[in-house]
mmCIF file of all heavy atoms, coordinates in Angstrom:
data_MODEL
# 
_entry.id   MODEL 
# 
loop_
_atom_site.group_PDB 
_atom_site.id 
_atom_site.type_symbol 
_atom_site.label_atom_id 
_atom_site.label_alt_id 
_atom_site.label_comp_id 
_atom_site.label_asym_id 
_atom_site.label_entity_id 
_atom_site.label_seq_id 
_atom_site.pdbx_PDB_ins_code 
_atom_site.Cartn_x 
_atom_site.Cartn_y 
_atom_site.Cartn_z 
_atom_site.occupancy 
_atom_site.B_iso_or_equiv 
_atom_site.pdbx_formal_charge 
_atom_site.auth_seq_id 
_atom_site.auth_comp_id 
_atom_site.auth_asym_id 
_atom_site.auth_atom_id 
_atom_site.pdbx_PDB_model_num 
ATOM 1   N N   . ILE A 1 1  ? 164.696 -40.737 135.250 1.00 0.00 ? 1  ILE A N   1 
ATOM 2   C CA  . ILE A 1 1  ? 163.703 -40.072 134.406 1.00 0.00 ? 1  ILE A CA  1 
ATOM 3   C C   . ILE A 1 1  ? 162.723 -41.071 133.667 1.00 0.00 ? 1  ILE A C   1 
ATOM 4   O O   . ILE A 1 1  ? 161.619 -40.906 133.473 1.00 0.00 ? 1  ILE A O   1 
ATOM 5   C CB  . ILE A 1 1  ? 164.405 -39.153 133.406 1.00 0.00 ? 1  ILE A CB  1 
ATOM 6   C CG1 . ILE A 1 1  ? 163.344 -38.409 132.488 1.00 0.00 ? 1  ILE A CG1 1 
ATOM 7   C CG2 . ILE A 1 1  ? 165.272 -39.961 132.540 1.00 0.00 ? 1  ILE A CG2 1 
ATOM 8   C CD1 . ILE A 1 1  ? 162.403 -37.503 133.269 1.00 0.00 ? 1  ILE A CD1 1 
ATOM 9   N N   . HIS A 1 2  ? 163.401 -42.256 133.340 1.00 0.00 ? 2  HIS A N   1 
ATOM 10  C CA  . HIS A 1 2  ? 162.600 -43.326 132.630 1.00 0.00 ? 2  HIS A CA  1 
ATOM 11  C C   . HIS A 1 2  ? 161.465 -43.906 133.594 1.00 0.00 ? 2  HIS A C   1 
ATOM 12  O O   . HIS A 1 2  ? 160.407 -44.101 133.165 1.00 0.00 ? 2  HIS A O   1 
ATOM 13  C CB  . HIS A 1 2  ? 163.493 -44.430 132.137 1.00 0.00 ? 2  HIS A CB  1 
ATOM 14  C CG  . HIS A 1 2  ? 164.608 -43.910 131.297 1.00 0.00 ? 2  HIS A CG  1 
ATOM 15  N ND1 . HIS A 1 2  ? 164.331 -43.428 129.999 1.00 0.00 ? 2  HIS A ND1 1 
ATOM 16  C CD2 . HIS A 1 2  ? 165.977 -43.779 131.527 1.00 0.00 ? 2  HIS A CD2 1 
ATOM 17  C CE1 . HIS A 1 2  ? 165.574 -43.001 129.526 1.00 0.00 ? 2  HIS A CE1 1 
ATOM 18  N NE2 . HIS A 1 2  ? 166.488 -43.218 130.356 1.00 0.00 ? 2  HIS A NE2 1 
ATOM 19  N N   . GLU A 1 3  ? 161.779 -44.117 134.775 1.00 0.00 ? 3  GLU A N   1 
ATOM 20  C CA  . GLU A 1 3  ? 160.810 -44.458 135.752 1.00 0.00 ? 3  GLU A CA  1 
ATOM 21  C C   . GLU A 1 3  ? 159.685 -43.553 135.922 1.00 0.00 ? 3  GLU A C   1 
ATOM 22  O O   . GLU A 1 3  ? 158.534 -43.746 135.983 1.00 0.00 ? 3  GLU A O   1 
ATOM 23  C CB  . GLU A 1 3  ? 161.370 -44.873 137.067 1.00 0.00 ? 3  GLU A CB  1 
ATOM 24  C CG  . GLU A 1 3  ? 162.370 -46.039 137.047 1.00 0.00 ? 3  GLU A CG  1 
ATOM 25  C CD  . GLU A 1 3  ? 163.104 -46.242 138.340 1.00 0.00 ? 3  GLU A CD  1 
ATOM 26  O OE1 . GLU A 1 3  ? 163.878 -45.322 138.747 1.00 0.00 ? 3  GLU A OE1 1 
ATOM 27  O OE2 . GLU A 1 3  ? 162.918 -47.313 138.982 1.00 0.00 ? 3  GLU A OE2 1 
ATOM 28  N N   . VAL A 1 4  ? 160.091 -42.250 135.954 1.00 0.00 ? 4  VAL A N   1 
ATOM 29  C CA  . VAL A 1 4  ? 159.090 -41.163 136.156 1.00 0.00 ? 4  VAL A CA  1 
ATOM 30  C C   . VAL A 1 4  ? 158.187 -41.008 134.946 1.00 0.00 ? 4  VAL A C   1 
ATOM 31  O O   . VAL A 1 4  ? 156.995 -40.848 135.044 1.00 0.00 ? 4  VAL A O   1 
ATOM 32  C CB  . VAL A 1 4  ? 159.779 -39.824 136.542 1.00 0.00 ? 4  VAL A CB  1 
ATOM 33  C CG1 . VAL A 1 4  ? 158.800 -38.644 136.474 1.00 0.00 ? 4  VAL A CG1 1 
ATOM 34  C CG2 . VAL A 1 4  ? 160.471 -39.896 137.859 1.00 0.00 ? 4  VAL A CG2 1 
ATOM 35  N N   . VAL A 1 5  ? 158.809 -41.099 133.727 1.00 0.00 ? 5  VAL A N   1 
ATOM 36  C CA  . VAL A 1 5  ? 158.013 -41.059 132.519 1.00 0.00 ? 5  VAL A CA  1 
ATOM 37  C C   . VAL A 1 5  ? 157.057 -42.176 132.445 1.00 0.00 ? 5  VAL A C   1 
ATOM 38  O O   . VAL A 1 5  ? 155.894 -42.038 132.076 1.00 0.00 ? 5  VAL A O   1 
ATOM 39  C CB  . VAL A 1 5  ? 158.984 -41.024 131.223 1.00 0.00 ? 5  VAL A CB  1 
ATOM 40  C CG1 . VAL A 1 5  ? 158.166 -41.274 129.961 1.00 0.00 ? 5  VAL A CG1 1 
ATOM 41  C CG2 . VAL A 1 5  ? 159.660 -39.703 131.200 1.00 0.00 ? 5  VAL A CG2 1 
ATOM 42  N N   . GLY A 1 6  ? 157.506 -43.409 132.807 1.00 0.00 ? 6  GLY A N   1 
ATOM 43  C CA  . GLY A 1 6  ? 156.600 -44.513 132.873 1.00 0.00 ? 6  GLY A CA  1 
ATOM 44  C C   . GLY A 1 6  ? 155.413 -44.318 133.810 1.00 0.00 ? 6  GLY A C   1 
ATOM 45  O O   . GLY A 1 6  ? 154.283 -44.570 133.478 1.00 0.00 ? 6  GLY A O   1 
ATOM 46  N N   . SER A 1 7  ? 155.677 -43.812 135.007 1.00 0.00 ? 7  SER A N   1 
ATOM 47  C CA  . SER A 1 7  ? 154.615 -43.561 135.970 1.00 0.00 ? 7  SER A CA  1 
ATOM 48  C C   . SER A 1 7  ? 153.669 -42.429 135.456 1.00 0.00 ? 7  SER A C   1 
ATOM 49  O O   . SER A 1 7  ? 152.467 -42.599 135.625 1.00 0.00 ? 7  SER A O   1 
ATOM 50  C CB  . SER A 1 7  ? 155.246 -43.076 137.299 1.00 0.00 ? 7  SER A CB  1 
ATOM 51  O OG  . SER A 1 7  ? 154.304 -42.617 138.158 1.00 0.00 ? 7  SER A OG  1 
ATOM 52  N N   . ASN A 1 8  ? 154.240 -41.430 134.821 1.00 0.00 ? 8  ASN A N   1 
ATOM 53  C CA  . ASN A 1 8  ? 153.378 -40.336 134.415 1.00 0.00 ? 8  ASN A CA  1 
ATOM 54  C C   . ASN A 1 8  ? 152.376 -40.814 133.267 1.00 0.00 ? 8  ASN A C   1 
ATOM 55  O O   . ASN A 1 8  ? 151.261 -40.241 133.230 1.00 0.00 ? 8  ASN A O   1 
ATOM 56  C CB  . ASN A 1 8  ? 154.300 -39.226 133.782 1.00 0.00 ? 8  ASN A CB  1 
ATOM 57  C CG  . ASN A 1 8  ? 153.537 -37.972 133.363 1.00 0.00 ? 8  ASN A CG  1 
ATOM 58  O OD1 . ASN A 1 8  ? 153.766 -37.433 132.251 1.00 0.00 ? 8  ASN A OD1 1 
ATOM 59  N ND2 . ASN A 1 8  ? 152.813 -37.533 134.225 1.00 0.00 ? 8  ASN A ND2 1 
ATOM 60  N N   . ALA A 1 9  ? 152.871 -41.874 132.483 1.00 0.00 ? 9  ALA A N   1 
ATOM 61  C CA  . ALA A 1 9  ? 151.915 -42.264 131.424 1.00 0.00 ? 9  ALA A CA  1 
ATOM 62  C C   . ALA A 1 9  ? 150.613 -42.874 131.876 1.00 0.00 ? 9  ALA A C   1 
ATOM 63  O O   . ALA A 1 9  ? 149.653 -42.830 131.163 1.00 0.00 ? 9  ALA A O   1 
ATOM 64  C CB  . ALA A 1 9  ? 152.728 -43.259 130.521 1.00 0.00 ? 9  ALA A CB  1 
ATOM 65  N N   . THR A 1 10 ? 150.714 -43.402 133.117 1.00 0.00 ? 10 THR A N   1 
ATOM 66  C CA  . THR A 1 10 ? 149.510 -44.076 133.602 1.00 0.00 ? 10 THR A CA  1 
ATOM 67  C C   . THR A 1 10 ? 148.853 -43.323 134.730 1.00 0.00 ? 10 THR A C   1 
ATOM 68  O O   . THR A 1 10 ? 147.827 -43.731 135.360 1.00 0.00 ? 10 THR A O   1 
ATOM 69  C CB  . THR A 1 10 ? 149.904 -45.547 134.156 1.00 0.00 ? 10 THR A CB  1 
ATOM 70  O OG1 . THR A 1 10 ? 150.846 -45.341 135.206 1.00 0.00 ? 10 THR A OG1 1 
ATOM 71  C CG2 . THR A 1 10 ? 150.350 -46.289 133.035 1.00 0.00 ? 10 THR A CG2 1 
ATOM 72  N N   . SER A 1 11 ? 149.376 -42.164 135.136 1.00 0.00 ? 11 SER A N   1 
ATOM 73  C CA  . SER A 1 11 ? 148.858 -41.392 136.316 1.00 0.00 ? 11 SER A CA  1 
ATOM 74  C C   . SER A 1 11 ? 147.838 -40.363 135.833 1.00 0.00 ? 11 SER A C   1 
ATOM 75  O O   . SER A 1 11 ? 147.862 -39.821 134.701 1.00 0.00 ? 11 SER A O   1 
ATOM 76  C CB  . SER A 1 11 ? 150.014 -40.607 136.906 1.00 0.00 ? 11 SER A CB  1 
ATOM 77  O OG  . SER A 1 11 ? 149.520 -39.720 137.925 1.00 0.00 ? 11 SER A OG  1 
ATOM 78  N N   . LYS A 1 12 ? 146.908 -40.094 136.667 1.00 0.00 ? 12 LYS A N   1 
ATOM 79  C CA  . LYS A 1 12 ? 145.857 -38.994 136.360 1.00 0.00 ? 12 LYS A CA  1 
ATOM 80  C C   . LYS A 1 12 ? 146.421 -37.603 136.676 1.00 0.00 ? 12 LYS A C   1 
ATOM 81  O O   . LYS A 1 12 ? 145.755 -36.642 136.308 1.00 0.00 ? 12 LYS A O   1 
ATOM 82  C CB  . LYS A 1 12 ? 144.619 -39.250 137.190 1.00 0.00 ? 12 LYS A CB  1 
ATOM 83  C CG  . LYS A 1 12 ? 144.756 -39.091 138.744 1.00 0.00 ? 12 LYS A CG  1 
ATOM 84  C CD  . LYS A 1 12 ? 143.474 -39.247 139.434 1.00 0.00 ? 12 LYS A CD  1 
ATOM 85  C CE  . LYS A 1 12 ? 143.551 -39.019 140.943 1.00 0.00 ? 12 LYS A CE  1 
ATOM 86  N NZ  . LYS A 1 12 ? 142.186 -39.186 141.595 1.00 0.00 ? 12 LYS A NZ  1 
ATOM 87  N N   . TYR A 1 13 ? 147.675 -37.608 137.187 1.00 0.00 ? 13 TYR A N   1 
ATOM 88  C CA  . TYR A 1 13 ? 148.255 -36.242 137.472 1.00 0.00 ? 13 TYR A CA  1 
ATOM 89  C C   . TYR A 1 13 ? 149.371 -35.956 136.486 1.00 0.00 ? 13 TYR A C   1 
ATOM 90  O O   . TYR A 1 13 ? 150.055 -36.828 136.040 1.00 0.00 ? 13 TYR A O   1 
ATOM 91  C CB  . TYR A 1 13 ? 148.848 -36.293 138.907 1.00 0.00 ? 13 TYR A CB  1 
ATOM 92  C CG  . TYR A 1 13 ? 147.821 -36.530 139.962 1.00 0.00 ? 13 TYR A CG  1 
ATOM 93  C CD1 . TYR A 1 13 ? 147.875 -37.751 140.649 1.00 0.00 ? 13 TYR A CD1 1 
ATOM 94  C CD2 . TYR A 1 13 ? 146.970 -35.571 140.396 1.00 0.00 ? 13 TYR A CD2 1 
ATOM 95  C CE1 . TYR A 1 13 ? 146.971 -38.013 141.679 1.00 0.00 ? 13 TYR A CE1 1 
ATOM 96  C CE2 . TYR A 1 13 ? 146.019 -35.856 141.362 1.00 0.00 ? 13 TYR A CE2 1 
ATOM 97  C CZ  . TYR A 1 13 ? 146.033 -37.054 142.028 1.00 0.00 ? 13 TYR A CZ  1 
ATOM 98  O OH  . TYR A 1 13 ? 145.153 -37.281 143.023 1.00 0.00 ? 13 TYR A OH  1 
ATOM 99  N N   . GLY A 1 14 ? 149.607 -34.721 136.234 1.00 0.00 ? 14 GLY A N   1 
ATOM 100 C CA  . GLY A 1 14 ? 150.819 -34.297 135.589 1.00 0.00 ? 14 GLY A CA  1 
ATOM 101 C C   . GLY A 1 14 ? 151.889 -34.194 136.617 1.00 0.00 ? 14 GLY A C   1 
ATOM 102 O O   . GLY A 1 14 ? 151.610 -34.179 137.858 1.00 0.00 ? 14 GLY A O   1 
ATOM 103 N N   . TYR A 1 15 ? 153.157 -34.037 136.154 1.00 0.00 ? 15 TYR A N   1 
ATOM 104 C CA  . TYR A 1 15 ? 154.285 -34.041 137.096 1.00 0.00 ? 15 TYR A CA  1 
ATOM 105 C C   . TYR A 1 15 ? 155.172 -32.774 136.786 1.00 0.00 ? 15 TYR A C   1 
ATOM 106 O O   . TYR A 1 15 ? 155.342 -32.399 135.664 1.00 0.00 ? 15 TYR A O   1 
ATOM 107 C CB  . TYR A 1 15 ? 155.161 -35.275 136.902 1.00 0.00 ? 15 TYR A CB  1 
ATOM 108 C CG  . TYR A 1 15 ? 154.677 -36.515 137.211 1.00 0.00 ? 15 TYR A CG  1 
ATOM 109 C CD1 . TYR A 1 15 ? 155.308 -37.716 136.960 1.00 0.00 ? 15 TYR A CD1 1 
ATOM 110 C CD2 . TYR A 1 15 ? 153.340 -36.736 137.890 1.00 0.00 ? 15 TYR A CD2 1 
ATOM 111 C CE1 . TYR A 1 15 ? 154.818 -39.009 137.247 1.00 0.00 ? 15 TYR A CE1 1 
ATOM 112 C CE2 . TYR A 1 15 ? 152.860 -37.987 138.150 1.00 0.00 ? 15 TYR A CE2 1 
ATOM 113 C CZ  . TYR A 1 15 ? 153.535 -39.081 137.886 1.00 0.00 ? 15 TYR A CZ  1 
ATOM 114 O OH  . TYR A 1 15 ? 153.070 -40.402 138.186 1.00 0.00 ? 15 TYR A OH  1 
ATOM 115 N N   . VAL A 1 16 ? 155.713 -32.192 137.857 1.00 0.00 ? 16 VAL A N   1 
ATOM 116 C CA  . VAL A 1 16 ? 156.779 -31.188 137.640 1.00 0.00 ? 16 VAL A CA  1 
ATOM 117 C C   . VAL A 1 16 ? 157.964 -31.747 138.425 1.00 0.00 ? 16 VAL A C   1 
ATOM 118 O O   . VAL A 1 16 ? 158.037 -32.026 139.506 1.00 0.00 ? 16 VAL A O   1 
ATOM 119 C CB  . VAL A 1 16 ? 156.442 -29.856 138.329 1.00 0.00 ? 16 VAL A CB  1 
ATOM 120 C CG1 . VAL A 1 16 ? 157.437 -28.853 138.051 1.00 0.00 ? 16 VAL A CG1 1 
ATOM 121 C CG2 . VAL A 1 16 ? 155.035 -29.398 137.897 1.00 0.00 ? 16 VAL A CG2 1 
ATOM 122 N N   . LEU A 1 17 ? 159.022 -31.877 137.620 1.00 0.00 ? 17 LEU A N   1 
ATOM 123 C CA  . LEU A 1 17 ? 160.321 -32.224 138.188 1.00 0.00 ? 17 LEU A CA  1 
ATOM 124 C C   . LEU A 1 17 ? 160.971 -31.051 138.846 1.00 0.00 ? 17 LEU A C   1 
ATOM 125 O O   . LEU A 1 17 ? 161.042 -29.970 138.243 1.00 0.00 ? 17 LEU A O   1 
ATOM 126 C CB  . LEU A 1 17 ? 161.291 -32.816 137.106 1.00 0.00 ? 17 LEU A CB  1 
ATOM 127 C CG  . LEU A 1 17 ? 160.762 -33.964 136.312 1.00 0.00 ? 17 LEU A CG  1 
ATOM 128 C CD1 . LEU A 1 17 ? 161.871 -34.507 135.343 1.00 0.00 ? 17 LEU A CD1 1 
ATOM 129 C CD2 . LEU A 1 17 ? 160.259 -35.139 137.170 1.00 0.00 ? 17 LEU A CD2 1 
ATOM 130 N N   . THR A 1 18 ? 161.477 -31.183 140.116 1.00 0.00 ? 18 THR A N   1 
ATOM 131 C CA  . THR A 1 18 ? 161.951 -30.045 140.755 1.00 0.00 ? 18 THR A CA  1 
ATOM 132 C C   . THR A 1 18 ? 163.289 -30.474 141.520 1.00 0.00 ? 18 THR A C   1 
ATOM 133 O O   . THR A 1 18 ? 163.342 -30.742 142.695 1.00 0.00 ? 18 THR A O   1 
ATOM 134 C CB  . THR A 1 18 ? 161.002 -29.538 141.916 1.00 0.00 ? 18 THR A CB  1 
ATOM 135 O OG1 . THR A 1 18 ? 160.602 -30.665 142.635 1.00 0.00 ? 18 THR A OG1 1 
ATOM 136 C CG2 . THR A 1 18 ? 159.808 -28.935 141.247 1.00 0.00 ? 18 THR A CG2 1 
ATOM 137 N N   . GLU A 1 19 ? 164.365 -30.477 140.675 1.00 0.00 ? 19 GLU A N   1 
ATOM 138 C CA  . GLU A 1 19 ? 165.630 -30.995 141.190 1.00 0.00 ? 19 GLU A CA  1 
ATOM 139 C C   . GLU A 1 19 ? 166.272 -29.978 142.190 1.00 0.00 ? 19 GLU A C   1 
ATOM 140 O O   . GLU A 1 19 ? 166.025 -28.822 142.035 1.00 0.00 ? 19 GLU A O   1 
ATOM 141 C CB  . GLU A 1 19 ? 166.639 -31.224 140.007 1.00 0.00 ? 19 GLU A CB  1 
ATOM 142 C CG  . GLU A 1 19 ? 165.981 -32.054 138.892 1.00 0.00 ? 19 GLU A CG  1 
ATOM 143 C CD  . GLU A 1 19 ? 165.519 -33.466 139.293 1.00 0.00 ? 19 GLU A CD  1 
ATOM 144 O OE1 . GLU A 1 19 ? 165.701 -33.856 140.448 1.00 0.00 ? 19 GLU A OE1 1 
ATOM 145 O OE2 . GLU A 1 19 ? 164.903 -34.128 138.429 1.00 0.00 ? 19 GLU A OE2 1 
ATOM 146 N N   . HIS A 1 20 ? 166.993 -30.544 143.147 1.00 0.00 ? 20 HIS A N   1 
ATOM 147 C CA  . HIS A 1 20 ? 167.631 -29.777 144.136 1.00 0.00 ? 20 HIS A CA  1 
ATOM 148 C C   . HIS A 1 20 ? 168.728 -28.827 143.646 1.00 0.00 ? 20 HIS A C   1 
ATOM 149 O O   . HIS A 1 20 ? 169.647 -29.240 142.947 1.00 0.00 ? 20 HIS A O   1 
ATOM 150 C CB  . HIS A 1 20 ? 168.340 -30.717 145.212 1.00 0.00 ? 20 HIS A CB  1 
ATOM 151 C CG  . HIS A 1 20 ? 167.311 -31.344 146.081 1.00 0.00 ? 20 HIS A CG  1 
ATOM 152 N ND1 . HIS A 1 20 ? 166.571 -30.731 146.980 1.00 0.00 ? 20 HIS A ND1 1 
ATOM 153 C CD2 . HIS A 1 20 ? 167.178 -32.752 146.285 1.00 0.00 ? 20 HIS A CD2 1 
ATOM 154 C CE1 . HIS A 1 20 ? 165.895 -31.699 147.645 1.00 0.00 ? 20 HIS A CE1 1 
ATOM 155 N NE2 . HIS A 1 20 ? 166.226 -32.862 147.274 1.00 0.00 ? 20 HIS A NE2 1 
ATOM 156 N N   . MET A 1 21 ? 168.690 -27.493 143.938 1.00 0.00 ? 21 MET A N   1 
ATOM 157 C CA  . MET A 1 21 ? 169.775 -26.650 143.640 1.00 0.00 ? 21 MET A CA  1 
ATOM 158 C C   . MET A 1 21 ? 170.049 -25.865 144.881 1.00 0.00 ? 21 MET A C   1 
ATOM 159 O O   . MET A 1 21 ? 169.314 -24.853 145.271 1.00 0.00 ? 21 MET A O   1 
ATOM 160 C CB  . MET A 1 21 ? 169.377 -25.683 142.534 1.00 0.00 ? 21 MET A CB  1 
ATOM 161 C CG  . MET A 1 21 ? 170.486 -24.812 142.120 1.00 0.00 ? 21 MET A CG  1 
ATOM 162 S SD  . MET A 1 21 ? 171.894 -25.783 141.259 1.00 0.00 ? 21 MET A SD  1 
ATOM 163 C CE  . MET A 1 21 ? 171.273 -25.655 139.586 1.00 0.00 ? 21 MET A CE  1 
ATOM 164 N N   . ASP A 1 22 ? 170.935 -26.300 145.786 1.00 0.00 ? 22 ASP A N   1 
ATOM 165 C CA  . ASP A 1 22 ? 171.304 -25.661 147.009 1.00 0.00 ? 22 ASP A CA  1 
ATOM 166 C C   . ASP A 1 22 ? 172.720 -25.044 146.889 1.00 0.00 ? 22 ASP A C   1 
ATOM 167 O O   . ASP A 1 22 ? 173.688 -25.768 147.252 1.00 0.00 ? 22 ASP A O   1 
ATOM 168 C CB  . ASP A 1 22 ? 171.238 -26.666 148.179 1.00 0.00 ? 22 ASP A CB  1 
ATOM 169 C CG  . ASP A 1 22 ? 169.812 -26.879 148.633 1.00 0.00 ? 22 ASP A CG  1 
ATOM 170 O OD1 . ASP A 1 22 ? 168.962 -27.337 147.835 1.00 0.00 ? 22 ASP A OD1 1 
ATOM 171 O OD2 . ASP A 1 22 ? 169.498 -26.637 149.854 1.00 0.00 ? 22 ASP A OD2 1 
ATOM 172 N N   . TYR A 1 23 ? 172.874 -23.914 146.348 1.00 0.00 ? 23 TYR A N   1 
ATOM 173 C CA  . TYR A 1 23 ? 174.117 -23.218 146.246 1.00 0.00 ? 23 TYR A CA  1 
ATOM 174 C C   . TYR A 1 23 ? 174.734 -23.041 147.666 1.00 0.00 ? 23 TYR A C   1 
ATOM 175 O O   . TYR A 1 23 ? 174.068 -22.672 148.651 1.00 0.00 ? 23 TYR A O   1 
ATOM 176 C CB  . TYR A 1 23 ? 174.071 -21.896 145.571 1.00 0.00 ? 23 TYR A CB  1 
ATOM 177 C CG  . TYR A 1 23 ? 173.600 -21.949 144.121 1.00 0.00 ? 23 TYR A CG  1 
ATOM 178 C CD1 . TYR A 1 23 ? 172.396 -21.457 143.643 1.00 0.00 ? 23 TYR A CD1 1 
ATOM 179 C CD2 . TYR A 1 23 ? 174.491 -22.469 143.143 1.00 0.00 ? 23 TYR A CD2 1 
ATOM 180 C CE1 . TYR A 1 23 ? 172.041 -21.530 142.347 1.00 0.00 ? 23 TYR A CE1 1 
ATOM 181 C CE2 . TYR A 1 23 ? 174.186 -22.551 141.796 1.00 0.00 ? 23 TYR A CE2 1 
ATOM 182 C CZ  . TYR A 1 23 ? 172.900 -22.089 141.413 1.00 0.00 ? 23 TYR A CZ  1 
ATOM 183 O OH  . TYR A 1 23 ? 172.582 -22.093 140.021 1.00 0.00 ? 23 TYR A OH  1 
ATOM 184 N N   . ASN A 1 24 ? 176.020 -23.144 147.794 1.00 0.00 ? 24 ASN A N   1 
ATOM 185 C CA  . ASN A 1 24 ? 176.726 -22.955 149.023 1.00 0.00 ? 24 ASN A CA  1 
ATOM 186 C C   . ASN A 1 24 ? 176.339 -23.953 150.111 1.00 0.00 ? 24 ASN A C   1 
ATOM 187 O O   . ASN A 1 24 ? 176.683 -23.697 151.268 1.00 0.00 ? 24 ASN A O   1 
ATOM 188 C CB  . ASN A 1 24 ? 176.488 -21.454 149.515 1.00 0.00 ? 24 ASN A CB  1 
ATOM 189 C CG  . ASN A 1 24 ? 177.013 -20.415 148.566 1.00 0.00 ? 24 ASN A CG  1 
ATOM 190 O OD1 . ASN A 1 24 ? 177.547 -20.704 147.566 1.00 0.00 ? 24 ASN A OD1 1 
ATOM 191 N ND2 . ASN A 1 24 ? 176.780 -19.153 148.932 1.00 0.00 ? 24 ASN A ND2 1 
# 
């Protein structure tokens, strides 16, 4: 998350974190 936050601070894009949830 720290790497992503650092990248987000200098990016022209917003980010959506979408973690894997694969039940079963």
